[in-house]
């Protein structure tokens, strides 16, 4: 069920992204932006937004512009994260990273272009009460900014080459990785007019999903197959980064991931079959290979 659901949603999202960001002038910047945007991403954040809207009793397919904007923000973050001044990665999703194809300067601009296009895309969402749309965009902006993803990346940069404690590691990844997951799921709930009880449950689910995702990401960096994850295994160790595996051990990291998944599932206990996709998604994290 999950594979088919994702395949259908990815097709909708890709079609929307192509419409939201057509080739234009100057051609090089749009080519660079589209190179990374259509480089084979799983579209996890927009899919989670749509699934959360479904879980709250709405129809996630109505909110493709907001979903597409989230994917633009995620893609911009990857372009910048791969730069020599950050993680200095040569490959992403099995393809050369943006700066390896277009150069550092154009890659920076491609990321900037995607970040700003994201808010234009979200604010073009039809069929949503303007007050609700503004609340959603504000939530996404906070998650992407200095108190969210950018702040987490700043802590990550400062932590490079030195050991950090568990509290710092949790904060870093809650901001760097978890904040956008939280915004995606809460945005889907808000767009679908979720009740206060539904929103609370989905928020807890989102936070535990983000934690489980990051822990399993750290595990894959040690145990994964390079052909499946699309980038070299061991890049965290190469960049002297503290991870859940390096700080706690591989068996403990696996146990922590399992506990986060169990807590996420418990947060959905008040939901019926409309939240089945969210349940499948978080269970999948424990067996994912990419």
C-alpha atoms as a PDB file:
ATOM      1  CA  UNK A   1       0.000   0.000   0.000  1.00  0.00           C
ATOM      2  CA  UNK A   2       2.708   2.489   0.981  1.00  0.00           C
ATOM      3  CA  UNK A   3       4.739   2.059  -2.208  1.00  0.00           C
ATOM      4  CA  UNK A   4       1.713   2.561  -4.430  1.00  0.00           C
ATOM      5  CA  UNK A   5       0.530   5.537  -2.374  1.00  0.00           C
ATOM      6  CA  UNK A   6       3.957   7.184  -2.619  1.00  0.00           C
ATOM      7  CA  UNK A   7       4.243   6.489  -6.342  1.00  0.00           C
ATOM      8  CA  UNK A   8       0.907   8.201  -6.976  1.00  0.00           C
ATOM      9  CA  UNK A   9       1.699  11.167  -4.739  1.00  0.00           C
ATOM     10  CA  UNK A  10       5.172  11.632  -6.243  1.00  0.00           C
ATOM     11  CA  UNK A  11       3.620  11.836  -9.720  1.00  0.00           C
ATOM     12  CA  UNK A  12       1.246  14.574  -8.527  1.00  0.00           C
ATOM     13  CA  UNK A  13       4.026  16.470  -6.750  1.00  0.00           C
ATOM     14  CA  UNK A  14       6.430  16.257  -9.694  1.00  0.00           C
ATOM     15  CA  UNK A  15       3.770  17.528 -12.071  1.00  0.00           C
ATOM     16  CA  UNK A  16       3.042  20.424  -9.730  1.00  0.00           C
ATOM     17  CA  UNK A  17       6.722  21.286  -9.292  1.00  0.00           C
ATOM     18  CA  UNK A  18       7.200  21.337 -13.060  1.00  0.00           C
ATOM     19  CA  UNK A  19       4.304  23.794 -13.338  1.00  0.00           C
ATOM     20  CA  UNK A  20       5.510  25.936 -10.421  1.00  0.00           C
ATOM     21  CA  UNK A  21       9.100  26.180 -11.674  1.00  0.00           C
ATOM     22  CA  UNK A  22       9.194  26.079 -15.491  1.00  0.00           C
ATOM     23  CA  UNK A  23      12.442  26.878 -17.339  1.00  0.00           C
ATOM     24  CA  UNK A  24      12.888  30.628 -17.717  1.00  0.00           C
ATOM     25  CA  UNK A  25      15.512  33.336 -18.191  1.00  0.00           C
ATOM     26  CA  UNK A  26      18.350  33.393 -17.287  1.00  0.00           C
ATOM     27  CA  UNK A  27      18.451  29.747 -18.300  1.00  0.00           C
ATOM     28  CA  UNK A  28      21.480  28.719 -16.215  1.00  0.00           C
ATOM     29  CA  UNK A  29      19.886  29.449 -12.838  1.00  0.00           C
ATOM     30  CA  UNK A  30      16.663  27.654 -13.703  1.00  0.00           C
ATOM     31  CA  UNK A  31      18.662  24.737 -15.069  1.00  0.00           C
ATOM     32  CA  UNK A  32      20.605  24.556 -11.796  1.00  0.00           C
ATOM     33  CA  UNK A  33      17.454  24.807  -9.679  1.00  0.00           C
ATOM     34  CA  UNK A  34      15.623  22.147 -11.680  1.00  0.00           C
ATOM     35  CA  UNK A  35      18.708  19.888 -11.762  1.00  0.00           C
ATOM     36  CA  UNK A  36      18.487  19.323  -8.024  1.00  0.00           C
ATOM     37  CA  UNK A  37      14.708  19.615  -7.733  1.00  0.00           C
ATOM     38  CA  UNK A  38      14.229  16.748 -10.202  1.00  0.00           C
ATOM     39  CA  UNK A  39      17.224  14.649  -9.147  1.00  0.00           C
ATOM     40  CA  UNK A  40      15.138  11.766  -7.858  1.00  0.00           C
ATOM     41  CA  UNK A  41      14.017  12.878  -4.427  1.00  0.00           C
ATOM     42  CA  UNK A  42      11.521  10.755  -2.500  1.00  0.00           C
ATOM     43  CA  UNK A  43       9.274  13.827  -1.868  1.00  0.00           C
ATOM     44  CA  UNK A  44       8.882  12.683   1.734  1.00  0.00           C
ATOM     45  CA  UNK A  45       8.010  16.053   3.266  1.00  0.00           C
ATOM     46  CA  UNK A  46       5.262  16.970   0.784  1.00  0.00           C
ATOM     47  CA  UNK A  47       3.882  13.431   0.997  1.00  0.00           C
ATOM     48  CA  UNK A  48       3.774  13.694   4.789  1.00  0.00           C
ATOM     49  CA  UNK A  49       1.889  16.980   4.505  1.00  0.00           C
ATOM     50  CA  UNK A  50      -0.687  15.325   2.274  1.00  0.00           C
ATOM     51  CA  UNK A  51      -0.935  12.239   4.492  1.00  0.00           C
ATOM     52  CA  UNK A  52      -1.418  14.412   7.594  1.00  0.00           C
ATOM     53  CA  UNK A  53      -4.237  16.292   5.851  1.00  0.00           C
ATOM     54  CA  UNK A  54      -5.856  12.955   5.017  1.00  0.00           C
ATOM     55  CA  UNK A  55      -5.461  11.797   8.623  1.00  0.00           C
ATOM     56  CA  UNK A  56      -7.230  14.932   9.845  1.00  0.00           C
ATOM     57  CA  UNK A  57     -10.193  14.220   7.577  1.00  0.00           C
ATOM     58  CA  UNK A  58      -9.200  16.359   4.614  1.00  0.00           C
ATOM     59  CA  UNK A  59      -7.892  15.679   1.118  1.00  0.00           C
ATOM     60  CA  UNK A  60      -4.143  16.133   0.861  1.00  0.00           C
ATOM     61  CA  UNK A  61      -4.272  16.408  -2.935  1.00  0.00           C
ATOM     62  CA  UNK A  62      -5.852  19.858  -2.531  1.00  0.00           C
ATOM     63  CA  UNK A  63      -2.646  21.340  -1.122  1.00  0.00           C
ATOM     64  CA  UNK A  64      -0.053  20.598  -3.775  1.00  0.00           C
ATOM     65  CA  UNK A  65       1.288  24.152  -3.964  1.00  0.00           C
ATOM     66  CA  UNK A  66       2.141  24.162  -0.268  1.00  0.00           C
ATOM     67  CA  UNK A  67       3.543  20.648  -0.590  1.00  0.00           C
ATOM     68  CA  UNK A  68       5.666  21.706  -3.566  1.00  0.00           C
ATOM     69  CA  UNK A  69       7.001  24.682  -1.647  1.00  0.00           C
ATOM     70  CA  UNK A  70       8.176  22.362   1.124  1.00  0.00           C
ATOM     71  CA  UNK A  71      10.084  20.261  -1.389  1.00  0.00           C
ATOM     72  CA  UNK A  72      11.761  23.382  -2.778  1.00  0.00           C
ATOM     73  CA  UNK A  73      12.932  24.337   0.717  1.00  0.00           C
ATOM     74  CA  UNK A  74      14.240  20.838   1.352  1.00  0.00           C
ATOM     75  CA  UNK A  75      16.082  20.804  -1.977  1.00  0.00           C
ATOM     76  CA  UNK A  76      17.669  24.212  -1.338  1.00  0.00           C
ATOM     77  CA  UNK A  77      18.952  22.917   2.004  1.00  0.00           C
ATOM     78  CA  UNK A  78      20.556  19.897   0.312  1.00  0.00           C
ATOM     79  CA  UNK A  79      22.291  22.054  -2.297  1.00  0.00           C
ATOM     80  CA  UNK A  80      23.797  24.258   0.397  1.00  0.00           C
ATOM     81  CA  UNK A  81      24.549  21.325   2.701  1.00  0.00           C
ATOM     82  CA  UNK A  82      26.657  19.682  -0.030  1.00  0.00           C
ATOM     83  CA  UNK A  83      28.832  22.760  -0.626  1.00  0.00           C
ATOM     84  CA  UNK A  84      32.573  22.654   0.157  1.00  0.00           C
ATOM     85  CA  UNK A  85      32.067  25.095   3.038  1.00  0.00           C
ATOM     86  CA  UNK A  86      29.512  22.714   4.591  1.00  0.00           C
ATOM     87  CA  UNK A  87      29.682  18.904   4.130  1.00  0.00           C
ATOM     88  CA  UNK A  88      31.685  18.997   0.879  1.00  0.00           C
ATOM     89  CA  UNK A  89      29.861  16.090  -0.772  1.00  0.00           C
ATOM     90  CA  UNK A  90      30.389  15.105  -4.392  1.00  0.00           C
ATOM     91  CA  UNK A  91      27.261  12.984  -4.831  1.00  0.00           C
ATOM     92  CA  UNK A  92      23.613  13.267  -3.850  1.00  0.00           C
ATOM     93  CA  UNK A  93      21.039  10.616  -4.792  1.00  0.00           C
ATOM     94  CA  UNK A  94      23.657   8.944  -6.971  1.00  0.00           C
ATOM     95  CA  UNK A  95      24.255  12.089  -9.059  1.00  0.00           C
ATOM     96  CA  UNK A  96      26.911  14.782  -8.929  1.00  0.00           C
ATOM     97  CA  UNK A  97      25.990  17.471  -6.431  1.00  0.00           C
ATOM     98  CA  UNK A  98      24.862  20.837  -7.725  1.00  0.00           C
ATOM     99  CA  UNK A  99      28.142  22.666  -7.174  1.00  0.00           C
ATOM    100  CA  UNK A 100      30.053  19.902  -8.960  1.00  0.00           C
ATOM    101  CA  UNK A 101      27.969  20.557 -12.079  1.00  0.00           C
ATOM    102  CA  UNK A 102      27.342  24.309 -11.930  1.00  0.00           C
ATOM    103  CA  UNK A 103      30.087  25.621  -9.636  1.00  0.00           C
ATOM    104  CA  UNK A 104      29.904  26.892  -6.059  1.00  0.00           C
ATOM    105  CA  UNK A 105      28.507  30.326  -6.880  1.00  0.00           C
ATOM    106  CA  UNK A 106      25.696  29.099  -9.089  1.00  0.00           C
ATOM    107  CA  UNK A 107      24.838  26.364  -6.564  1.00  0.00           C
ATOM    108  CA  UNK A 108      24.451  28.990  -3.849  1.00  0.00           C
ATOM    109  CA  UNK A 109      22.188  31.001  -6.126  1.00  0.00           C
ATOM    110  CA  UNK A 110      20.186  27.893  -7.067  1.00  0.00           C
ATOM    111  CA  UNK A 111      19.541  27.264  -3.388  1.00  0.00           C
ATOM    112  CA  UNK A 112      18.576  30.904  -2.859  1.00  0.00           C
ATOM    113  CA  UNK A 113      16.257  30.738  -5.847  1.00  0.00           C
ATOM    114  CA  UNK A 114      14.497  27.619  -4.576  1.00  0.00           C
ATOM    115  CA  UNK A 115      14.052  29.043  -1.078  1.00  0.00           C
ATOM    116  CA  UNK A 116      12.387  32.193  -2.342  1.00  0.00           C
ATOM    117  CA  UNK A 117      10.347  30.380  -5.005  1.00  0.00           C
ATOM    118  CA  UNK A 118       9.018  28.128  -2.245  1.00  0.00           C
ATOM    119  CA  UNK A 119       7.142  30.931  -0.527  1.00  0.00           C
ATOM    120  CA  UNK A 120       5.764  32.201  -3.818  1.00  0.00           C
ATOM    121  CA  UNK A 121       4.513  28.667  -4.509  1.00  0.00           C
ATOM    122  CA  UNK A 122       2.919  28.238  -1.087  1.00  0.00           C
ATOM    123  CA  UNK A 123       1.169  31.596  -1.226  1.00  0.00           C
ATOM    124  CA  UNK A 124      -0.284  30.703  -4.631  1.00  0.00           C
ATOM    125  CA  UNK A 125      -2.199  27.797  -3.052  1.00  0.00           C
ATOM    126  CA  UNK A 126      -5.845  28.055  -4.150  1.00  0.00           C
ATOM    127  CA  UNK A 127      -8.894  27.107  -2.120  1.00  0.00           C
ATOM    128  CA  UNK A 128      -7.556  27.890   1.354  1.00  0.00           C
ATOM    129  CA  UNK A 129      -8.728  30.558   3.781  1.00  0.00           C
ATOM    130  CA  UNK A 130      -6.072  33.337   3.609  1.00  0.00           C
ATOM    131  CA  UNK A 131      -5.702  33.410   7.400  1.00  0.00           C
ATOM    132  CA  UNK A 132      -5.009  29.672   7.475  1.00  0.00           C
ATOM    133  CA  UNK A 133      -2.548  29.945   4.598  1.00  0.00           C
ATOM    134  CA  UNK A 134      -0.647  32.752   6.315  1.00  0.00           C
ATOM    135  CA  UNK A 135      -0.451  30.659   9.518  1.00  0.00           C
ATOM    136  CA  UNK A 136       0.914  27.710   7.538  1.00  0.00           C
ATOM    137  CA  UNK A 137       3.490  29.800   5.690  1.00  0.00           C
ATOM    138  CA  UNK A 138       4.599  31.390   8.961  1.00  0.00           C
ATOM    139  CA  UNK A 139       5.047  27.934  10.496  1.00  0.00           C
ATOM    140  CA  UNK A 140       7.113  26.739   7.549  1.00  0.00           C
ATOM    141  CA  UNK A 141       9.223  29.906   7.570  1.00  0.00           C
ATOM    142  CA  UNK A 142      10.050  29.449  11.255  1.00  0.00           C
ATOM    143  CA  UNK A 143      10.935  25.794  10.698  1.00  0.00           C
ATOM    144  CA  UNK A 144      13.276  26.709   7.832  1.00  0.00           C
ATOM    145  CA  UNK A 145      14.957  29.626   9.600  1.00  0.00           C
ATOM    146  CA  UNK A 146      17.392  30.390  12.400  1.00  0.00           C
ATOM    147  CA  UNK A 147      15.272  28.755  15.107  1.00  0.00           C
ATOM    148  CA  UNK A 148      14.814  25.689  12.908  1.00  0.00           C
ATOM    149  CA  UNK A 149      16.768  24.184  10.038  1.00  0.00           C
ATOM    150  CA  UNK A 150      19.329  26.978   9.635  1.00  0.00           C
ATOM    151  CA  UNK A 151      19.967  27.079  13.374  1.00  0.00           C
ATOM    152  CA  UNK A 152      20.459  23.332  13.465  1.00  0.00           C
ATOM    153  CA  UNK A 153      22.916  23.572  10.606  1.00  0.00           C
ATOM    154  CA  UNK A 154      24.804  26.292  12.474  1.00  0.00           C
ATOM    155  CA  UNK A 155      25.173  24.021  15.507  1.00  0.00           C
ATOM    156  CA  UNK A 156      26.250  21.215  13.165  1.00  0.00           C
ATOM    157  CA  UNK A 157      29.002  23.396  11.711  1.00  0.00           C
ATOM    158  CA  UNK A 158      30.238  24.385  15.143  1.00  0.00           C
ATOM    159  CA  UNK A 159      30.214  20.767  16.268  1.00  0.00           C
ATOM    160  CA  UNK A 160      32.365  19.502  13.393  1.00  0.00           C
ATOM    161  CA  UNK A 161      35.588  17.943  14.592  1.00  0.00           C
ATOM    162  CA  UNK A 162      34.646  17.783  18.276  1.00  0.00           C
ATOM    163  CA  UNK A 163      32.534  15.530  20.431  1.00  0.00           C
ATOM    164  CA  UNK A 164      29.216  16.940  21.632  1.00  0.00           C
ATOM    165  CA  UNK A 165      26.853  15.729  24.332  1.00  0.00           C
ATOM    166  CA  UNK A 166      23.492  14.060  23.806  1.00  0.00           C
ATOM    167  CA  UNK A 167      21.456  17.200  24.524  1.00  0.00           C
ATOM    168  CA  UNK A 168      23.341  19.161  21.860  1.00  0.00           C
ATOM    169  CA  UNK A 169      22.978  16.313  19.365  1.00  0.00           C
ATOM    170  CA  UNK A 170      19.229  16.113  19.982  1.00  0.00           C
ATOM    171  CA  UNK A 171      18.789  19.873  19.639  1.00  0.00           C
ATOM    172  CA  UNK A 172      20.868  19.986  16.471  1.00  0.00           C
ATOM    173  CA  UNK A 173      18.851  17.330  14.689  1.00  0.00           C
ATOM    174  CA  UNK A 174      15.494  18.432  16.085  1.00  0.00           C
ATOM    175  CA  UNK A 175      16.185  21.781  14.416  1.00  0.00           C
ATOM    176  CA  UNK A 176      18.140  20.717  11.341  1.00  0.00           C
ATOM    177  CA  UNK A 177      16.054  17.697  10.318  1.00  0.00           C
ATOM    178  CA  UNK A 178      13.016  17.476  12.563  1.00  0.00           C
ATOM    179  CA  UNK A 179      11.713  21.032  12.222  1.00  0.00           C
ATOM    180  CA  UNK A 180      10.738  20.687   8.566  1.00  0.00           C
ATOM    181  CA  UNK A 181       9.065  17.314   9.195  1.00  0.00           C
ATOM    182  CA  UNK A 182       7.119  18.921  12.036  1.00  0.00           C
ATOM    183  CA  UNK A 183       6.114  21.853   9.830  1.00  0.00           C
ATOM    184  CA  UNK A 184       5.056  19.534   6.998  1.00  0.00           C
ATOM    185  CA  UNK A 185       2.795  17.420   9.188  1.00  0.00           C
ATOM    186  CA  UNK A 186       1.366  20.326  11.181  1.00  0.00           C
ATOM    187  CA  UNK A 187       0.750  22.241   7.949  1.00  0.00           C
ATOM    188  CA  UNK A 188      -1.252  19.350   6.530  1.00  0.00           C
ATOM    189  CA  UNK A 189      -3.284  19.243   9.728  1.00  0.00           C
ATOM    190  CA  UNK A 190      -3.903  23.002   9.739  1.00  0.00           C
ATOM    191  CA  UNK A 191      -4.904  23.053   6.077  1.00  0.00           C
ATOM    192  CA  UNK A 192      -7.419  20.273   6.750  1.00  0.00           C
ATOM    193  CA  UNK A 193      -8.910  22.127   9.749  1.00  0.00           C
ATOM    194  CA  UNK A 194      -7.736  19.558  12.288  1.00  0.00           C
ATOM    195  CA  UNK A 195      -9.213  19.704  15.776  1.00  0.00           C
ATOM    196  CA  UNK A 196      -6.979  20.687  18.695  1.00  0.00           C
ATOM    197  CA  UNK A 197      -6.778  17.037  19.737  1.00  0.00           C
ATOM    198  CA  UNK A 198      -5.840  15.909  16.229  1.00  0.00           C
ATOM    199  CA  UNK A 199      -3.212  18.644  15.926  1.00  0.00           C
ATOM    200  CA  UNK A 200      -1.634  17.652  19.249  1.00  0.00           C
ATOM    201  CA  UNK A 201      -1.447  14.001  18.217  1.00  0.00           C
ATOM    202  CA  UNK A 202       0.003  14.786  14.811  1.00  0.00           C
ATOM    203  CA  UNK A 203       2.545  17.175  16.344  1.00  0.00           C
ATOM    204  CA  UNK A 204       3.806  14.464  18.706  1.00  0.00           C
ATOM    205  CA  UNK A 205       3.902  12.022  15.811  1.00  0.00           C
ATOM    206  CA  UNK A 206       5.908  14.516  13.759  1.00  0.00           C
ATOM    207  CA  UNK A 207       8.496  15.071  16.466  1.00  0.00           C
ATOM    208  CA  UNK A 208       9.021  11.347  17.003  1.00  0.00           C
ATOM    209  CA  UNK A 209       9.101  10.730  13.248  1.00  0.00           C
ATOM    210  CA  UNK A 210      11.860  13.320  12.877  1.00  0.00           C
ATOM    211  CA  UNK A 211      13.871  11.713  15.689  1.00  0.00           C
ATOM    212  CA  UNK A 212      13.486   8.209  14.264  1.00  0.00           C
ATOM    213  CA  UNK A 213      14.383   9.458  10.784  1.00  0.00           C
ATOM    214  CA  UNK A 214      17.612  11.065  11.981  1.00  0.00           C
ATOM    215  CA  UNK A 215      18.699   8.089  14.067  1.00  0.00           C
ATOM    216  CA  UNK A 216      18.098   5.688  11.182  1.00  0.00           C
ATOM    217  CA  UNK A 217      19.924   8.110   8.873  1.00  0.00           C
ATOM    218  CA  UNK A 218      22.942   7.926  11.181  1.00  0.00           C
ATOM    219  CA  UNK A 219      22.671   4.134  11.195  1.00  0.00           C
ATOM    220  CA  UNK A 220      22.564   4.021   7.387  1.00  0.00           C
ATOM    221  CA  UNK A 221      25.713   6.125   7.211  1.00  0.00           C
ATOM    222  CA  UNK A 222      27.471   3.220   8.931  1.00  0.00           C
ATOM    223  CA  UNK A 223      25.633   0.156   7.632  1.00  0.00           C
ATOM    224  CA  UNK A 224      24.055   1.314   4.367  1.00  0.00           C
ATOM    225  CA  UNK A 225      24.705   0.365   0.768  1.00  0.00           C
ATOM    226  CA  UNK A 226      26.233   3.266  -1.168  1.00  0.00           C
ATOM    227  CA  UNK A 227      24.348   2.259  -4.310  1.00  0.00           C
ATOM    228  CA  UNK A 228      21.052   2.505  -2.434  1.00  0.00           C
ATOM    229  CA  UNK A 229      21.626   5.633  -0.354  1.00  0.00           C
ATOM    230  CA  UNK A 230      23.125   7.529  -3.305  1.00  0.00           C
ATOM    231  CA  UNK A 231      26.170   8.913  -1.499  1.00  0.00           C
ATOM    232  CA  UNK A 232      29.327   7.503   0.101  1.00  0.00           C
ATOM    233  CA  UNK A 233      28.884   5.515   3.312  1.00  0.00           C
ATOM    234  CA  UNK A 234      30.869   6.886   6.238  1.00  0.00           C
ATOM    235  CA  UNK A 235      30.600  10.565   5.311  1.00  0.00           C
ATOM    236  CA  UNK A 236      29.773  11.505   8.926  1.00  0.00           C
ATOM    237  CA  UNK A 237      32.973   9.882  10.184  1.00  0.00           C
ATOM    238  CA  UNK A 238      34.929  11.499   7.340  1.00  0.00           C
ATOM    239  CA  UNK A 239      33.611  14.901   8.397  1.00  0.00           C
ATOM    240  CA  UNK A 240      34.261  14.143  12.103  1.00  0.00           C
ATOM    241  CA  UNK A 241      30.578  14.502  13.006  1.00  0.00           C
ATOM    242  CA  UNK A 242      28.972  13.236  16.175  1.00  0.00           C
ATOM    243  CA  UNK A 243      25.990  10.986  15.477  1.00  0.00           C
ATOM    244  CA  UNK A 244      23.624   8.783  17.449  1.00  0.00           C
ATOM    245  CA  UNK A 245      25.825   5.841  16.485  1.00  0.00           C
ATOM    246  CA  UNK A 246      29.137   7.416  17.464  1.00  0.00           C
ATOM    247  CA  UNK A 247      27.744   8.820  20.708  1.00  0.00           C
ATOM    248  CA  UNK A 248      25.642   5.862  21.880  1.00  0.00           C
ATOM    249  CA  UNK A 249      26.747   2.779  19.824  1.00  0.00           C
ATOM    250  CA  UNK A 250      24.958   1.033  16.975  1.00  0.00           C
ATOM    251  CA  UNK A 251      22.777  -1.270  19.144  1.00  0.00           C
ATOM    252  CA  UNK A 252      21.681   1.618  21.370  1.00  0.00           C
ATOM    253  CA  UNK A 253      20.895   3.803  18.343  1.00  0.00           C
ATOM    254  CA  UNK A 254      18.698   1.029  16.950  1.00  0.00           C
ATOM    255  CA  UNK A 255      16.873   0.764  20.263  1.00  0.00           C
ATOM    256  CA  UNK A 256      16.366   4.542  20.387  1.00  0.00           C
ATOM    257  CA  UNK A 257      14.910   4.481  16.880  1.00  0.00           C
ATOM    258  CA  UNK A 258      12.508   1.699  17.835  1.00  0.00           C
ATOM    259  CA  UNK A 259      11.374   3.643  20.908  1.00  0.00           C
ATOM    260  CA  UNK A 260      10.748   6.786  18.844  1.00  0.00           C
ATOM    261  CA  UNK A 261       8.678   4.782  16.361  1.00  0.00           C
ATOM    262  CA  UNK A 262       6.618   3.244  19.165  1.00  0.00           C
ATOM    263  CA  UNK A 263       5.939   6.700  20.639  1.00  0.00           C
ATOM    264  CA  UNK A 264       4.931   8.031  17.220  1.00  0.00           C
ATOM    265  CA  UNK A 265       2.476   5.177  16.765  1.00  0.00           C
ATOM    266  CA  UNK A 266       1.023   5.800  20.220  1.00  0.00           C
ATOM    267  CA  UNK A 267       0.383   9.426  19.243  1.00  0.00           C
ATOM    268  CA  UNK A 268      -1.925   8.160  16.475  1.00  0.00           C
ATOM    269  CA  UNK A 269      -4.053   5.971  18.730  1.00  0.00           C
ATOM    270  CA  UNK A 270      -6.992   8.382  18.485  1.00  0.00           C
ATOM    271  CA  UNK A 271      -7.006   8.156  14.689  1.00  0.00           C
ATOM    272  CA  UNK A 272      -8.682   5.533  12.539  1.00  0.00           C
ATOM    273  CA  UNK A 273      -7.794   4.056   9.133  1.00  0.00           C
ATOM    274  CA  UNK A 274      -7.390   7.560   7.695  1.00  0.00           C
ATOM    275  CA  UNK A 275      -3.963   7.621   9.427  1.00  0.00           C
ATOM    276  CA  UNK A 276      -2.862   4.244   8.036  1.00  0.00           C
ATOM    277  CA  UNK A 277      -0.283   5.818   5.714  1.00  0.00           C
ATOM    278  CA  UNK A 278       1.335   7.709   8.596  1.00  0.00           C
ATOM    279  CA  UNK A 279       1.580   4.469  10.567  1.00  0.00           C
ATOM    280  CA  UNK A 280       3.193   2.688   7.628  1.00  0.00           C
ATOM    281  CA  UNK A 281       5.626   5.540   7.083  1.00  0.00           C
ATOM    282  CA  UNK A 282       7.023   5.542  10.604  1.00  0.00           C
ATOM    283  CA  UNK A 283       7.260   1.746  10.730  1.00  0.00           C
ATOM    284  CA  UNK A 284       9.137   1.836   7.429  1.00  0.00           C
ATOM    285  CA  UNK A 285      11.917   3.913   9.022  1.00  0.00           C
ATOM    286  CA  UNK A 286      13.145   0.875  10.947  1.00  0.00           C
ATOM    287  CA  UNK A 287      13.761  -1.079   7.736  1.00  0.00           C
ATOM    288  CA  UNK A 288      14.581   1.635   5.214  1.00  0.00           C
ATOM    289  CA  UNK A 289      17.653   1.256   3.033  1.00  0.00           C
ATOM    290  CA  UNK A 290      17.919   4.781   1.667  1.00  0.00           C
END
